[in-house]
Amino acid sequence: MGTNTPGRMERAPACRHGVERLYPLWETRQPYTVPYALRRHHPVSGQDESEEIVETRHRAADQRAQTVHEMIGGETALARLVETFYDIIETDPEGASIHALHLKGFGLAHVRQAQFEFLSGFFGGPHYYLERMGHANLRTMHAHIGIGPAEVEAWLTCMRKAIAQLGYDADVAATLMRHFTRSAQALRNTA
């Protein structure tokens, strides 16, 4: 298979959608055997502790591998987040500018479902939006509207309120906002 060196890539099996991915070798979950020279033996019993070390590494890898989609509770929780967010957009004065942008674009009829579909794939769940639309490019989706710093901040404020309203723990809320902030800032297309 090769050594786990940076820069080496390995083809992962296709996902259920038939998409193959390339992963750096050091991120794959290949069975790992500790070379004899590196094995650790208990000083008193002389038992090999290497397998316990490997198992600990695999547990840590499993914990890192949890997707944001799983972290928030799957599709039901994601749907609740999207619904709460758009309820805020439509009723909170801070969401008025975002609400107006949707009215300039394709309207509000499809936006809740489209955002749910996009975020599902974006957060590591099923890629509904990609399957339906053939792409999941945020900039392409928003190219028809002007997005400046005020719109970015209004969107993020409404999302913070939705996350707070749903009571996510601090780590999950921070992870969500990190993803949302990076994406929202990337969509700025006006000064």
C-alpha atoms as a PDB file:
ATOM      1  CA  MET A   1       0.000   0.000   0.000  1.00  0.00           C
ATOM      2  CA  GLY A   2       2.871   2.407   0.670  1.00  0.00           C
ATOM      3  CA  THR A   3       3.976   4.563   3.525  1.00  0.00           C
ATOM      4  CA  ASN A   4       1.945   7.240   5.239  1.00  0.00           C
ATOM      5  CA  THR A   5       3.836  10.219   3.918  1.00  0.00           C
ATOM      6  CA  PRO A   6       2.439  13.659   3.186  1.00  0.00           C
ATOM      7  CA  GLY A   7       1.666  14.176  -0.469  1.00  0.00           C
ATOM      8  CA  ARG A   8       0.766  10.542  -1.209  1.00  0.00           C
ATOM      9  CA  MET A   9      -2.882  10.063  -2.143  1.00  0.00           C
ATOM     10  CA  GLU A  10      -5.082   7.009  -2.096  1.00  0.00           C
ATOM     11  CA  ARG A  11      -8.373   6.441  -3.865  1.00  0.00           C
ATOM     12  CA  ALA A  12     -11.172   5.792  -1.401  1.00  0.00           C
ATOM     13  CA  PRO A  13     -14.142   3.571  -2.277  1.00  0.00           C
ATOM     14  CA  ALA A  14     -17.019   5.338  -3.993  1.00  0.00           C
ATOM     15  CA  CYS A  15     -19.762   6.658  -1.732  1.00  0.00           C
ATOM     16  CA  ARG A  16     -23.375   5.619  -2.217  1.00  0.00           C
ATOM     17  CA  HIS A  17     -23.707   8.348  -4.862  1.00  0.00           C
ATOM     18  CA  GLY A  18     -20.859   6.833  -6.907  1.00  0.00           C
ATOM     19  CA  VAL A  19     -18.443   9.651  -6.143  1.00  0.00           C
ATOM     20  CA  GLU A  20     -14.851   8.573  -5.625  1.00  0.00           C
ATOM     21  CA  ARG A  21     -12.661  10.676  -3.408  1.00  0.00           C
ATOM     22  CA  LEU A  22      -8.929  10.976  -2.974  1.00  0.00           C
ATOM     23  CA  TYR A  23      -7.633  11.054   0.565  1.00  0.00           C
ATOM     24  CA  PRO A  24      -4.125  11.623   1.826  1.00  0.00           C
ATOM     25  CA  LEU A  25      -2.821   8.274   3.033  1.00  0.00           C
ATOM     26  CA  TRP A  26      -2.344   9.494   6.575  1.00  0.00           C
ATOM     27  CA  GLU A  27      -6.106  10.240   6.807  1.00  0.00           C
ATOM     28  CA  THR A  28      -7.282   6.776   5.766  1.00  0.00           C
ATOM     29  CA  ARG A  29      -8.289   4.091   8.242  1.00  0.00           C
ATOM     30  CA  GLN A  30      -5.923   1.366   7.094  1.00  0.00           C
ATOM     31  CA  PRO A  31      -5.120  -1.427   9.546  1.00  0.00           C
ATOM     32  CA  TYR A  32      -1.897  -0.496  11.232  1.00  0.00           C
ATOM     33  CA  THR A  33       0.563  -2.935  12.747  1.00  0.00           C
ATOM     34  CA  VAL A  34       3.236  -1.613  15.052  1.00  0.00           C
ATOM     35  CA  PRO A  35       6.694  -2.628  13.815  1.00  0.00           C
ATOM     36  CA  TYR A  36       8.542  -4.863  16.285  1.00  0.00           C
ATOM     37  CA  ALA A  37      11.215  -2.221  16.915  1.00  0.00           C
ATOM     38  CA  LEU A  38       8.533   0.244  18.041  1.00  0.00           C
ATOM     39  CA  ARG A  39       6.490  -2.134  20.162  1.00  0.00           C
ATOM     40  CA  ARG A  40       6.020  -1.136  23.763  1.00  0.00           C
ATOM     41  CA  HIS A  41       6.183  -3.788  26.439  1.00  0.00           C
ATOM     42  CA  HIS A  42       4.912  -3.385  29.969  1.00  0.00           C
ATOM     43  CA  PRO A  43       7.951  -3.104  32.283  1.00  0.00           C
ATOM     44  CA  VAL A  44       6.656  -5.687  34.776  1.00  0.00           C
ATOM     45  CA  SER A  45       4.442  -8.113  32.876  1.00  0.00           C
ATOM     46  CA  GLY A  46       6.334  -7.855  29.586  1.00  0.00           C
ATOM     47  CA  GLN A  47       2.973  -7.785  27.747  1.00  0.00           C
ATOM     48  CA  ASP A  48       2.791  -6.021  24.418  1.00  0.00           C
ATOM     49  CA  GLU A  49       0.921  -2.707  24.851  1.00  0.00           C
ATOM     50  CA  SER A  50       1.153  -1.806  21.158  1.00  0.00           C
ATOM     51  CA  GLU A  51      -2.327  -3.023  20.222  1.00  0.00           C
ATOM     52  CA  GLU A  52      -3.845  -0.806  22.939  1.00  0.00           C
ATOM     53  CA  ILE A  53      -1.992   2.196  21.487  1.00  0.00           C
ATOM     54  CA  VAL A  54      -3.277   1.393  17.985  1.00  0.00           C
ATOM     55  CA  GLU A  55      -6.833   0.987  19.296  1.00  0.00           C
ATOM     56  CA  THR A  56      -6.583   4.387  21.004  1.00  0.00           C
ATOM     57  CA  ARG A  57      -5.463   5.940  17.690  1.00  0.00           C
ATOM     58  CA  HIS A  58      -8.425   4.369  15.883  1.00  0.00           C
ATOM     59  CA  ARG A  59     -10.873   5.639  18.547  1.00  0.00           C
ATOM     60  CA  ALA A  60      -9.430   9.135  18.144  1.00  0.00           C
ATOM     61  CA  ALA A  61      -9.765   8.863  14.345  1.00  0.00           C
ATOM     62  CA  ASP A  62     -13.413   7.786  14.741  1.00  0.00           C
ATOM     63  CA  GLN A  63     -14.121  10.823  16.909  1.00  0.00           C
ATOM     64  CA  ARG A  64     -12.535  13.180  14.347  1.00  0.00           C
ATOM     65  CA  ALA A  65     -14.442  11.513  11.527  1.00  0.00           C
ATOM     66  CA  GLN A  66     -17.867  12.573  12.841  1.00  0.00           C
ATOM     67  CA  THR A  67     -19.450  14.916  10.310  1.00  0.00           C
ATOM     68  CA  VAL A  68     -21.169  18.161  11.192  1.00  0.00           C
ATOM     69  CA  HIS A  69     -24.353  16.534   9.863  1.00  0.00           C
ATOM     70  CA  GLU A  70     -24.010  13.826  12.518  1.00  0.00           C
ATOM     71  CA  MET A  71     -22.883  16.317  15.166  1.00  0.00           C
ATOM     72  CA  ILE A  72     -26.104  18.319  14.953  1.00  0.00           C
ATOM     73  CA  GLY A  73     -28.346  15.254  14.917  1.00  0.00           C
ATOM     74  CA  GLY A  74     -28.888  14.385  11.256  1.00  0.00           C
ATOM     75  CA  GLU A  75     -31.605  15.402   8.836  1.00  0.00           C
ATOM     76  CA  THR A  76     -34.329  16.152  11.373  1.00  0.00           C
ATOM     77  CA  ALA A  77     -32.098  18.545  13.306  1.00  0.00           C
ATOM     78  CA  LEU A  78     -30.824  20.160  10.104  1.00  0.00           C
ATOM     79  CA  ALA A  79     -34.394  20.711   8.876  1.00  0.00           C
ATOM     80  CA  ARG A  80     -35.233  22.305  12.237  1.00  0.00           C
ATOM     81  CA  LEU A  81     -32.200  24.622  11.937  1.00  0.00           C
ATOM     82  CA  VAL A  82     -33.194  25.722   8.413  1.00  0.00           C
ATOM     83  CA  GLU A  83     -36.831  26.290   9.422  1.00  0.00           C
ATOM     84  CA  THR A  84     -35.818  28.294  12.498  1.00  0.00           C
ATOM     85  CA  PHE A  85     -33.348  30.346  10.459  1.00  0.00           C
ATOM     86  CA  TYR A  86     -35.912  31.273   7.801  1.00  0.00           C
ATOM     87  CA  ASP A  87     -38.566  32.025  10.416  1.00  0.00           C
ATOM     88  CA  ILE A  88     -36.083  34.547  11.836  1.00  0.00           C
ATOM     89  CA  ILE A  89     -35.275  35.924   8.351  1.00  0.00           C
ATOM     90  CA  GLU A  90     -38.982  36.497   7.700  1.00  0.00           C
ATOM     91  CA  THR A  91     -39.903  38.003  11.079  1.00  0.00           C
ATOM     92  CA  ASP A  92     -36.846  39.594  12.727  1.00  0.00           C
ATOM     93  CA  PRO A  93     -35.960  43.174  11.695  1.00  0.00           C
ATOM     94  CA  GLU A  94     -32.294  42.111  11.377  1.00  0.00           C
ATOM     95  CA  GLY A  95     -33.326  39.650   8.671  1.00  0.00           C
ATOM     96  CA  ALA A  96     -35.167  42.238   6.553  1.00  0.00           C
ATOM     97  CA  SER A  97     -32.257  42.809   4.148  1.00  0.00           C
ATOM     98  CA  ILE A  98     -31.823  39.055   3.590  1.00  0.00           C
ATOM     99  CA  HIS A  99     -35.573  38.661   3.110  1.00  0.00           C
ATOM    100  CA  ALA A 100     -35.437  41.434   0.479  1.00  0.00           C
ATOM    101  CA  LEU A 101     -32.558  39.693  -1.324  1.00  0.00           C
ATOM    102  CA  HIS A 102     -34.629  36.529  -1.638  1.00  0.00           C
ATOM    103  CA  LEU A 103     -37.494  38.537  -3.109  1.00  0.00           C
ATOM    104  CA  LYS A 104     -35.094  39.982  -5.747  1.00  0.00           C
ATOM    105  CA  GLY A 105     -33.840  36.529  -6.620  1.00  0.00           C
ATOM    106  CA  PHE A 106     -35.985  33.463  -7.223  1.00  0.00           C
ATOM    107  CA  GLY A 107     -38.375  34.147  -4.336  1.00  0.00           C
ATOM    108  CA  LEU A 108     -39.004  32.387  -1.066  1.00  0.00           C
ATOM    109  CA  ALA A 109     -40.990  29.395  -2.262  1.00  0.00           C
ATOM    110  CA  HIS A 110     -38.007  27.115  -2.816  1.00  0.00           C
ATOM    111  CA  VAL A 111     -35.408  28.585  -0.462  1.00  0.00           C
ATOM    112  CA  ARG A 112     -36.044  26.492   2.664  1.00  0.00           C
ATOM    113  CA  GLN A 113     -35.916  23.203   0.783  1.00  0.00           C
ATOM    114  CA  ALA A 114     -32.914  24.298  -1.294  1.00  0.00           C
ATOM    115  CA  GLN A 115     -30.945  25.361   1.766  1.00  0.00           C
ATOM    116  CA  PHE A 116     -31.768  22.122   3.571  1.00  0.00           C
ATOM    117  CA  GLU A 117     -30.611  20.130   0.538  1.00  0.00           C
ATOM    118  CA  PHE A 118     -27.415  22.148   0.172  1.00  0.00           C
ATOM    119  CA  LEU A 119     -26.493  22.087   3.876  1.00  0.00           C
ATOM    120  CA  SER A 120     -27.093  18.348   4.061  1.00  0.00           C
ATOM    121  CA  GLY A 121     -24.272  17.712   1.597  1.00  0.00           C
ATOM    122  CA  PHE A 122     -22.161  20.632   2.834  1.00  0.00           C
ATOM    123  CA  PHE A 123     -22.147  19.175   6.346  1.00  0.00           C
ATOM    124  CA  GLY A 124     -21.328  15.609   5.280  1.00  0.00           C
ATOM    125  CA  GLY A 125     -24.806  14.124   4.858  1.00  0.00           C
ATOM    126  CA  PRO A 126     -26.614  13.099   1.670  1.00  0.00           C
ATOM    127  CA  HIS A 127     -25.856  15.368  -1.318  1.00  0.00           C
ATOM    128  CA  TYR A 128     -29.465  16.178  -2.240  1.00  0.00           C
ATOM    129  CA  TYR A 129     -28.717  19.559  -3.809  1.00  0.00           C
ATOM    130  CA  LEU A 130     -25.875  18.218  -5.930  1.00  0.00           C
ATOM    131  CA  GLU A 131     -28.060  15.345  -7.146  1.00  0.00           C
ATOM    132  CA  ARG A 132     -30.933  17.664  -8.052  1.00  0.00           C
ATOM    133  CA  MET A 133     -29.026  20.638  -9.485  1.00  0.00           C
ATOM    134  CA  GLY A 134     -25.825  19.040 -10.771  1.00  0.00           C
ATOM    135  CA  HIS A 135     -23.558  21.338  -8.748  1.00  0.00           C
ATOM    136  CA  ALA A 136     -23.171  22.700  -5.230  1.00  0.00           C
ATOM    137  CA  ASN A 137     -21.238  25.886  -5.970  1.00  0.00           C
ATOM    138  CA  LEU A 138     -22.275  28.615  -3.525  1.00  0.00           C
ATOM    139  CA  ARG A 139     -20.914  31.453  -5.643  1.00  0.00           C
ATOM    140  CA  THR A 140     -22.858  30.251  -8.685  1.00  0.00           C
ATOM    141  CA  MET A 141     -26.028  29.955  -6.612  1.00  0.00           C
ATOM    142  CA  HIS A 142     -25.713  33.559  -5.419  1.00  0.00           C
ATOM    143  CA  ALA A 143     -24.185  35.234  -8.495  1.00  0.00           C
ATOM    144  CA  HIS A 144     -27.489  36.892  -9.456  1.00  0.00           C
ATOM    145  CA  ILE A 145     -27.651  39.046  -6.291  1.00  0.00           C
ATOM    146  CA  GLY A 146     -25.360  41.641  -4.769  1.00  0.00           C
ATOM    147  CA  ILE A 147     -23.946  40.589  -1.407  1.00  0.00           C
ATOM    148  CA  GLY A 148     -21.989  43.134   0.596  1.00  0.00           C
ATOM    149  CA  PRO A 149     -20.639  43.268   4.149  1.00  0.00           C
ATOM    150  CA  ALA A 150     -24.021  44.356   5.581  1.00  0.00           C
ATOM    151  CA  GLU A 151     -25.823  41.376   4.026  1.00  0.00           C
ATOM    152  CA  VAL A 152     -23.135  38.983   5.205  1.00  0.00           C
ATOM    153  CA  GLU A 153     -23.399  40.284   8.779  1.00  0.00           C
ATOM    154  CA  ALA A 154     -27.223  40.218   8.715  1.00  0.00           C
ATOM    155  CA  TRP A 155     -27.199  36.611   7.484  1.00  0.00           C
ATOM    156  CA  LEU A 156     -24.691  35.558  10.147  1.00  0.00           C
ATOM    157  CA  THR A 157     -26.644  37.378  12.882  1.00  0.00           C
ATOM    158  CA  CYS A 158     -29.834  35.542  11.943  1.00  0.00           C
ATOM    159  CA  MET A 159     -28.000  32.209  11.865  1.00  0.00           C
ATOM    160  CA  ARG A 160     -26.472  32.892  15.306  1.00  0.00           C
ATOM    161  CA  LYS A 161     -29.990  33.551  16.607  1.00  0.00           C
ATOM    162  CA  ALA A 162     -31.291  30.309  15.082  1.00  0.00           C
ATOM    163  CA  ILE A 163     -28.444  28.298  16.592  1.00  0.00           C
ATOM    164  CA  ALA A 164     -28.973  29.938  20.003  1.00  0.00           C
ATOM    165  CA  GLN A 165     -32.716  29.349  19.824  1.00  0.00           C
ATOM    166  CA  LEU A 166     -32.171  25.636  19.192  1.00  0.00           C
ATOM    167  CA  GLY A 167     -29.800  25.356  22.160  1.00  0.00           C
ATOM    168  CA  TYR A 168     -26.788  23.663  20.574  1.00  0.00           C
ATOM    169  CA  ASP A 169     -23.862  23.206  22.958  1.00  0.00           C
ATOM    170  CA  ALA A 170     -20.982  25.655  22.647  1.00  0.00           C
ATOM    171  CA  ASP A 171     -18.688  23.345  20.636  1.00  0.00           C
ATOM    172  CA  VAL A 172     -21.348  22.501  18.049  1.00  0.00           C
ATOM    173  CA  ALA A 173     -22.442  26.146  17.801  1.00  0.00           C
ATOM    174  CA  ALA A 174     -18.825  27.246  17.272  1.00  0.00           C
ATOM    175  CA  THR A 175     -18.297  24.604  14.581  1.00  0.00           C
ATOM    176  CA  LEU A 176     -21.468  25.640  12.762  1.00  0.00           C
ATOM    177  CA  MET A 177     -20.617  29.336  12.912  1.00  0.00           C
ATOM    178  CA  ARG A 178     -17.067  28.686  11.714  1.00  0.00           C
ATOM    179  CA  HIS A 179     -18.445  26.980   8.579  1.00  0.00           C
ATOM    180  CA  PHE A 180     -21.175  29.564   8.054  1.00  0.00           C
ATOM    181  CA  THR A 181     -18.816  32.524   8.543  1.00  0.00           C
ATOM    182  CA  ARG A 182     -16.262  31.197   6.059  1.00  0.00           C
ATOM    183  CA  SER A 183     -18.964  30.533   3.469  1.00  0.00           C
ATOM    184  CA  ALA A 184     -20.776  33.841   3.965  1.00  0.00           C
ATOM    185  CA  GLN A 185     -17.549  35.825   3.652  1.00  0.00           C
ATOM    186  CA  ALA A 186     -16.722  33.979   0.422  1.00  0.00           C
ATOM    187  CA  LEU A 187     -20.025  35.130  -1.099  1.00  0.00           C
ATOM    188  CA  ARG A 188     -19.272  38.852  -0.829  1.00  0.00           C
ATOM    189  CA  ASN A 189     -19.388  40.293  -4.319  1.00  0.00           C
ATOM    190  CA  THR A 190     -19.904  44.022  -3.606  1.00  0.00           C
ATOM    191  CA  ALA A 191     -18.026  46.530  -1.464  1.00  0.00           C
END
